[in-house]
């Protein structure tokens, strides 16, 4: 019996690089929406109803119609290329859940700081958090329908950002818009961590 070698070609399997990206910002800015808009899996959400007991603690000024809040994290995944997968971790926006941030930030390549121009001061704490820990981030201005629009440079000045920190306008409900934000984060983080020549 003759045995010949097989002419079958095994497909080239690419083992993707996986990167962890945080999505942070103030209460009600659209973090859960952003993760859900782009995730290729059903996102994990830890949403709970806002209660009367939480009213003295949770400042809902500007987001009065909000009925739920993230109490731990949101999680989603997106494949940007065959060889690049992002794991998205949405942080809780309220101060009382900030103890979770250090755990969520462990191993993160970079972050999105989602901002709302109607309540821009709500993202200062997230910006400060990432600056102090030297985690590269992009500020993504979620363009709400009833919010004034400002150029990226005006937002950068208002937030007193370093000149190299990207600022992009986005719609957290739109997949392509969110992908643009995530690409900005990855590119900025890769530049920030590249060895200097």
C-alpha atoms as a PDB file:
ATOM      1  CA  UNK A   1       0.000   0.000   0.000  1.00  0.00           C
ATOM      2  CA  UNK A   2       1.404   3.380  -0.997  1.00  0.00           C
ATOM      3  CA  UNK A   3       1.136   6.330   1.311  1.00  0.00           C
ATOM      4  CA  UNK A   4       1.566   9.796  -0.084  1.00  0.00           C
ATOM      5  CA  UNK A   5       1.611  13.031   1.818  1.00  0.00           C
ATOM      6  CA  UNK A   6      -1.587  14.977   1.949  1.00  0.00           C
ATOM      7  CA  UNK A   7      -2.036  17.920  -0.368  1.00  0.00           C
ATOM      8  CA  UNK A   8      -4.431  19.424   2.122  1.00  0.00           C
ATOM      9  CA  UNK A   9      -3.274  22.804   3.286  1.00  0.00           C
ATOM     10  CA  UNK A  10      -3.981  23.595   6.897  1.00  0.00           C
ATOM     11  CA  UNK A  11      -5.426  27.031   7.339  1.00  0.00           C
ATOM     12  CA  UNK A  12      -3.148  29.570   8.961  1.00  0.00           C
ATOM     13  CA  UNK A  13      -4.521  30.233  12.421  1.00  0.00           C
ATOM     14  CA  UNK A  14      -3.793  33.654  13.850  1.00  0.00           C
ATOM     15  CA  UNK A  15      -3.627  33.937  17.618  1.00  0.00           C
ATOM     16  CA  UNK A  16      -5.007  37.414  18.293  1.00  0.00           C
ATOM     17  CA  UNK A  17      -3.460  39.924  20.641  1.00  0.00           C
ATOM     18  CA  UNK A  18      -5.973  40.825  23.344  1.00  0.00           C
ATOM     19  CA  UNK A  19      -5.973  44.270  24.921  1.00  0.00           C
ATOM     20  CA  UNK A  20      -7.897  45.591  27.901  1.00  0.00           C
ATOM     21  CA  UNK A  21      -9.524  49.014  27.541  1.00  0.00           C
ATOM     22  CA  UNK A  22     -11.455  50.840  30.270  1.00  0.00           C
ATOM     23  CA  UNK A  23     -14.464  53.032  29.580  1.00  0.00           C
ATOM     24  CA  UNK A  24     -14.839  55.682  32.272  1.00  0.00           C
ATOM     25  CA  UNK A  25     -16.549  58.987  32.919  1.00  0.00           C
ATOM     26  CA  UNK A  26     -19.205  60.605  35.013  1.00  0.00           C
ATOM     27  CA  UNK A  27     -22.607  59.292  36.018  1.00  0.00           C
ATOM     28  CA  UNK A  28     -25.014  59.006  33.081  1.00  0.00           C
ATOM     29  CA  UNK A  29     -22.492  59.924  30.380  1.00  0.00           C
ATOM     30  CA  UNK A  30     -23.166  56.829  28.237  1.00  0.00           C
ATOM     31  CA  UNK A  31     -20.552  54.252  29.249  1.00  0.00           C
ATOM     32  CA  UNK A  32     -22.967  51.303  29.252  1.00  0.00           C
ATOM     33  CA  UNK A  33     -24.399  52.474  25.925  1.00  0.00           C
ATOM     34  CA  UNK A  34     -20.917  52.742  24.385  1.00  0.00           C
ATOM     35  CA  UNK A  35     -19.907  49.216  25.418  1.00  0.00           C
ATOM     36  CA  UNK A  36     -23.228  47.798  24.207  1.00  0.00           C
ATOM     37  CA  UNK A  37     -23.086  49.614  20.860  1.00  0.00           C
ATOM     38  CA  UNK A  38     -19.816  48.026  19.804  1.00  0.00           C
ATOM     39  CA  UNK A  39     -19.651  44.661  21.591  1.00  0.00           C
ATOM     40  CA  UNK A  40     -19.818  41.613  19.329  1.00  0.00           C
ATOM     41  CA  UNK A  41     -21.001  39.529  22.261  1.00  0.00           C
ATOM     42  CA  UNK A  42     -23.993  40.174  24.455  1.00  0.00           C
ATOM     43  CA  UNK A  43     -22.484  42.629  26.944  1.00  0.00           C
ATOM     44  CA  UNK A  44     -22.357  41.831  30.617  1.00  0.00           C
ATOM     45  CA  UNK A  45     -24.137  44.571  32.517  1.00  0.00           C
ATOM     46  CA  UNK A  46     -24.521  45.126  36.235  1.00  0.00           C
ATOM     47  CA  UNK A  47     -27.324  47.651  36.061  1.00  0.00           C
ATOM     48  CA  UNK A  48     -29.591  48.247  39.033  1.00  0.00           C
ATOM     49  CA  UNK A  49     -32.556  50.552  39.463  1.00  0.00           C
ATOM     50  CA  UNK A  50     -31.940  53.908  41.076  1.00  0.00           C
ATOM     51  CA  UNK A  51     -33.772  54.047  44.390  1.00  0.00           C
ATOM     52  CA  UNK A  52     -35.159  56.718  46.686  1.00  0.00           C
ATOM     53  CA  UNK A  53     -32.517  55.719  49.251  1.00  0.00           C
ATOM     54  CA  UNK A  54     -29.807  56.632  46.740  1.00  0.00           C
ATOM     55  CA  UNK A  55     -31.184  60.082  45.910  1.00  0.00           C
ATOM     56  CA  UNK A  56     -29.115  61.915  48.532  1.00  0.00           C
ATOM     57  CA  UNK A  57     -25.977  60.157  47.239  1.00  0.00           C
ATOM     58  CA  UNK A  58     -26.542  60.078  43.464  1.00  0.00           C
ATOM     59  CA  UNK A  59     -26.512  63.448  41.708  1.00  0.00           C
ATOM     60  CA  UNK A  60     -28.904  63.049  38.780  1.00  0.00           C
ATOM     61  CA  UNK A  61     -28.814  66.722  37.784  1.00  0.00           C
ATOM     62  CA  UNK A  62     -28.728  66.788  34.005  1.00  0.00           C
ATOM     63  CA  UNK A  63     -29.747  63.133  33.699  1.00  0.00           C
ATOM     64  CA  UNK A  64     -33.123  63.213  35.432  1.00  0.00           C
ATOM     65  CA  UNK A  65     -34.575  60.575  33.095  1.00  0.00           C
ATOM     66  CA  UNK A  66     -31.910  58.011  34.095  1.00  0.00           C
ATOM     67  CA  UNK A  67     -33.498  55.083  35.953  1.00  0.00           C
ATOM     68  CA  UNK A  68     -30.605  52.612  36.305  1.00  0.00           C
ATOM     69  CA  UNK A  69     -26.927  52.699  37.214  1.00  0.00           C
ATOM     70  CA  UNK A  70     -23.917  50.429  36.809  1.00  0.00           C
ATOM     71  CA  UNK A  71     -22.943  49.029  40.196  1.00  0.00           C
ATOM     72  CA  UNK A  72     -19.871  46.972  39.253  1.00  0.00           C
ATOM     73  CA  UNK A  73     -18.915  47.070  35.570  1.00  0.00           C
ATOM     74  CA  UNK A  74     -19.946  46.554  31.992  1.00  0.00           C
ATOM     75  CA  UNK A  75     -18.028  44.075  29.850  1.00  0.00           C
ATOM     76  CA  UNK A  76     -17.893  43.670  26.100  1.00  0.00           C
ATOM     77  CA  UNK A  77     -15.577  42.439  23.371  1.00  0.00           C
ATOM     78  CA  UNK A  78     -14.783  43.613  19.865  1.00  0.00           C
ATOM     79  CA  UNK A  79     -12.464  42.203  17.221  1.00  0.00           C
ATOM     80  CA  UNK A  80     -10.886  45.170  15.442  1.00  0.00           C
ATOM     81  CA  UNK A  81      -8.768  42.992  13.149  1.00  0.00           C
ATOM     82  CA  UNK A  82      -8.147  39.265  12.803  1.00  0.00           C
ATOM     83  CA  UNK A  83      -5.135  39.673  15.087  1.00  0.00           C
ATOM     84  CA  UNK A  84      -6.502  42.282  17.544  1.00  0.00           C
ATOM     85  CA  UNK A  85      -9.289  41.845  20.095  1.00  0.00           C
ATOM     86  CA  UNK A  86     -10.303  44.459  22.652  1.00  0.00           C
ATOM     87  CA  UNK A  87     -11.897  43.616  25.975  1.00  0.00           C
ATOM     88  CA  UNK A  88     -13.938  46.580  27.170  1.00  0.00           C
ATOM     89  CA  UNK A  89     -14.549  47.225  30.858  1.00  0.00           C
ATOM     90  CA  UNK A  90     -17.027  49.990  31.660  1.00  0.00           C
ATOM     91  CA  UNK A  91     -16.495  51.486  35.097  1.00  0.00           C
ATOM     92  CA  UNK A  92     -19.246  52.615  37.447  1.00  0.00           C
ATOM     93  CA  UNK A  93     -19.697  56.378  37.346  1.00  0.00           C
ATOM     94  CA  UNK A  94     -20.662  57.110  40.933  1.00  0.00           C
ATOM     95  CA  UNK A  95     -18.099  57.998  43.590  1.00  0.00           C
ATOM     96  CA  UNK A  96     -19.338  55.301  45.974  1.00  0.00           C
ATOM     97  CA  UNK A  97     -18.247  52.572  43.523  1.00  0.00           C
ATOM     98  CA  UNK A  98     -14.757  53.942  42.864  1.00  0.00           C
ATOM     99  CA  UNK A  99     -13.150  51.267  45.007  1.00  0.00           C
ATOM    100  CA  UNK A 100     -13.684  48.960  41.994  1.00  0.00           C
ATOM    101  CA  UNK A 101     -11.577  51.098  39.658  1.00  0.00           C
ATOM    102  CA  UNK A 102      -8.186  49.859  40.841  1.00  0.00           C
ATOM    103  CA  UNK A 103      -9.168  46.253  40.152  1.00  0.00           C
ATOM    104  CA  UNK A 104     -10.639  47.113  36.764  1.00  0.00           C
ATOM    105  CA  UNK A 105      -7.569  49.167  35.780  1.00  0.00           C
ATOM    106  CA  UNK A 106      -5.109  46.334  36.441  1.00  0.00           C
ATOM    107  CA  UNK A 107      -3.547  45.335  33.127  1.00  0.00           C
ATOM    108  CA  UNK A 108      -5.341  47.983  31.057  1.00  0.00           C
ATOM    109  CA  UNK A 109      -3.524  49.266  27.980  1.00  0.00           C
ATOM    110  CA  UNK A 110      -5.593  52.438  27.871  1.00  0.00           C
ATOM    111  CA  UNK A 111      -8.929  54.070  28.532  1.00  0.00           C
ATOM    112  CA  UNK A 112     -11.763  56.082  27.077  1.00  0.00           C
ATOM    113  CA  UNK A 113     -12.897  59.005  29.219  1.00  0.00           C
ATOM    114  CA  UNK A 114     -16.423  59.684  28.028  1.00  0.00           C
ATOM    115  CA  UNK A 115     -17.497  63.303  28.457  1.00  0.00           C
ATOM    116  CA  UNK A 116     -20.756  65.259  28.227  1.00  0.00           C
ATOM    117  CA  UNK A 117     -20.314  68.974  27.449  1.00  0.00           C
ATOM    118  CA  UNK A 118     -23.367  69.782  29.601  1.00  0.00           C
ATOM    119  CA  UNK A 119     -21.519  68.355  32.641  1.00  0.00           C
ATOM    120  CA  UNK A 120     -17.885  68.496  31.614  1.00  0.00           C
ATOM    121  CA  UNK A 121     -16.657  68.722  35.202  1.00  0.00           C
ATOM    122  CA  UNK A 122     -17.957  65.169  35.803  1.00  0.00           C
ATOM    123  CA  UNK A 123     -15.032  63.695  33.842  1.00  0.00           C
ATOM    124  CA  UNK A 124     -12.259  65.510  35.772  1.00  0.00           C
ATOM    125  CA  UNK A 125     -11.983  62.700  38.318  1.00  0.00           C
ATOM    126  CA  UNK A 126     -11.520  60.051  35.594  1.00  0.00           C
ATOM    127  CA  UNK A 127      -8.905  62.155  33.807  1.00  0.00           C
ATOM    128  CA  UNK A 128      -7.047  62.665  37.072  1.00  0.00           C
ATOM    129  CA  UNK A 129      -7.227  58.937  37.831  1.00  0.00           C
ATOM    130  CA  UNK A 130      -5.595  57.931  34.532  1.00  0.00           C
ATOM    131  CA  UNK A 131      -3.026  60.727  34.574  1.00  0.00           C
ATOM    132  CA  UNK A 132      -1.866  59.759  38.077  1.00  0.00           C
ATOM    133  CA  UNK A 133      -1.476  56.119  37.052  1.00  0.00           C
ATOM    134  CA  UNK A 134       0.153  56.938  33.708  1.00  0.00           C
ATOM    135  CA  UNK A 135      -2.568  55.105  31.750  1.00  0.00           C
ATOM    136  CA  UNK A 136      -2.990  56.500  28.235  1.00  0.00           C
ATOM    137  CA  UNK A 137      -6.505  57.725  27.483  1.00  0.00           C
ATOM    138  CA  UNK A 138      -8.624  59.390  24.836  1.00  0.00           C
ATOM    139  CA  UNK A 139     -11.387  61.824  25.749  1.00  0.00           C
ATOM    140  CA  UNK A 140     -14.509  61.006  23.752  1.00  0.00           C
ATOM    141  CA  UNK A 141     -17.191  63.694  23.807  1.00  0.00           C
ATOM    142  CA  UNK A 142     -20.572  61.986  23.605  1.00  0.00           C
ATOM    143  CA  UNK A 143     -22.605  64.341  21.407  1.00  0.00           C
ATOM    144  CA  UNK A 144     -26.012  64.310  23.061  1.00  0.00           C
ATOM    145  CA  UNK A 145     -28.816  65.755  20.962  1.00  0.00           C
ATOM    146  CA  UNK A 146     -29.540  68.693  23.283  1.00  0.00           C
ATOM    147  CA  UNK A 147     -25.887  69.458  24.111  1.00  0.00           C
ATOM    148  CA  UNK A 148     -23.858  72.285  22.619  1.00  0.00           C
ATOM    149  CA  UNK A 149     -21.097  71.168  20.249  1.00  0.00           C
ATOM    150  CA  UNK A 150     -17.573  72.440  20.715  1.00  0.00           C
ATOM    151  CA  UNK A 151     -14.418  71.855  18.671  1.00  0.00           C
ATOM    152  CA  UNK A 152     -11.937  69.314  20.030  1.00  0.00           C
ATOM    153  CA  UNK A 153      -9.419  72.066  20.864  1.00  0.00           C
ATOM    154  CA  UNK A 154     -11.984  73.904  22.993  1.00  0.00           C
ATOM    155  CA  UNK A 155     -12.716  70.715  24.947  1.00  0.00           C
ATOM    156  CA  UNK A 156      -8.983  70.078  25.347  1.00  0.00           C
ATOM    157  CA  UNK A 157      -8.491  73.593  26.755  1.00  0.00           C
ATOM    158  CA  UNK A 158     -11.499  73.321  29.076  1.00  0.00           C
ATOM    159  CA  UNK A 159     -10.173  70.031  30.481  1.00  0.00           C
ATOM    160  CA  UNK A 160      -6.554  71.294  30.604  1.00  0.00           C
ATOM    161  CA  UNK A 161      -5.317  68.208  28.753  1.00  0.00           C
ATOM    162  CA  UNK A 162      -1.787  67.582  27.570  1.00  0.00           C
ATOM    163  CA  UNK A 163      -1.439  68.466  23.860  1.00  0.00           C
ATOM    164  CA  UNK A 164      -0.894  64.797  22.922  1.00  0.00           C
ATOM    165  CA  UNK A 165      -4.100  63.522  24.552  1.00  0.00           C
ATOM    166  CA  UNK A 166      -6.614  62.761  21.799  1.00  0.00           C
ATOM    167  CA  UNK A 167     -10.076  64.340  21.942  1.00  0.00           C
ATOM    168  CA  UNK A 168     -12.722  62.945  19.594  1.00  0.00           C
ATOM    169  CA  UNK A 169     -16.418  63.604  19.110  1.00  0.00           C
ATOM    170  CA  UNK A 170     -18.643  60.532  19.086  1.00  0.00           C
ATOM    171  CA  UNK A 171     -22.124  59.125  19.359  1.00  0.00           C
ATOM    172  CA  UNK A 172     -21.989  56.363  21.969  1.00  0.00           C
ATOM    173  CA  UNK A 173     -25.009  54.688  20.327  1.00  0.00           C
ATOM    174  CA  UNK A 174     -23.316  54.240  16.938  1.00  0.00           C
ATOM    175  CA  UNK A 175     -21.012  51.261  16.376  1.00  0.00           C
ATOM    176  CA  UNK A 176     -18.764  52.942  13.776  1.00  0.00           C
ATOM    177  CA  UNK A 177     -18.403  56.056  15.901  1.00  0.00           C
ATOM    178  CA  UNK A 178     -17.379  53.967  18.911  1.00  0.00           C
ATOM    179  CA  UNK A 179     -14.922  51.940  16.799  1.00  0.00           C
ATOM    180  CA  UNK A 180     -13.256  55.222  15.801  1.00  0.00           C
ATOM    181  CA  UNK A 181     -12.890  56.096  19.508  1.00  0.00           C
ATOM    182  CA  UNK A 182     -11.386  52.687  20.335  1.00  0.00           C
ATOM    183  CA  UNK A 183      -8.902  52.893  17.466  1.00  0.00           C
ATOM    184  CA  UNK A 184      -7.845  56.301  18.790  1.00  0.00           C
ATOM    185  CA  UNK A 185      -7.274  54.830  22.267  1.00  0.00           C
ATOM    186  CA  UNK A 186      -5.212  51.903  20.965  1.00  0.00           C
ATOM    187  CA  UNK A 187      -3.083  54.093  18.691  1.00  0.00           C
ATOM    188  CA  UNK A 188      -2.469  56.640  21.460  1.00  0.00           C
ATOM    189  CA  UNK A 189      -1.651  53.953  24.038  1.00  0.00           C
ATOM    190  CA  UNK A 190       0.745  52.172  21.670  1.00  0.00           C
ATOM    191  CA  UNK A 191       2.579  55.442  20.987  1.00  0.00           C
ATOM    192  CA  UNK A 192       2.683  56.250  24.691  1.00  0.00           C
ATOM    193  CA  UNK A 193       4.181  52.865  25.581  1.00  0.00           C
ATOM    194  CA  UNK A 194       6.596  52.633  22.632  1.00  0.00           C
ATOM    195  CA  UNK A 195      10.260  52.787  23.628  1.00  0.00           C
ATOM    196  CA  UNK A 196      11.832  56.172  22.965  1.00  0.00           C
ATOM    197  CA  UNK A 197      14.697  56.177  20.431  1.00  0.00           C
END
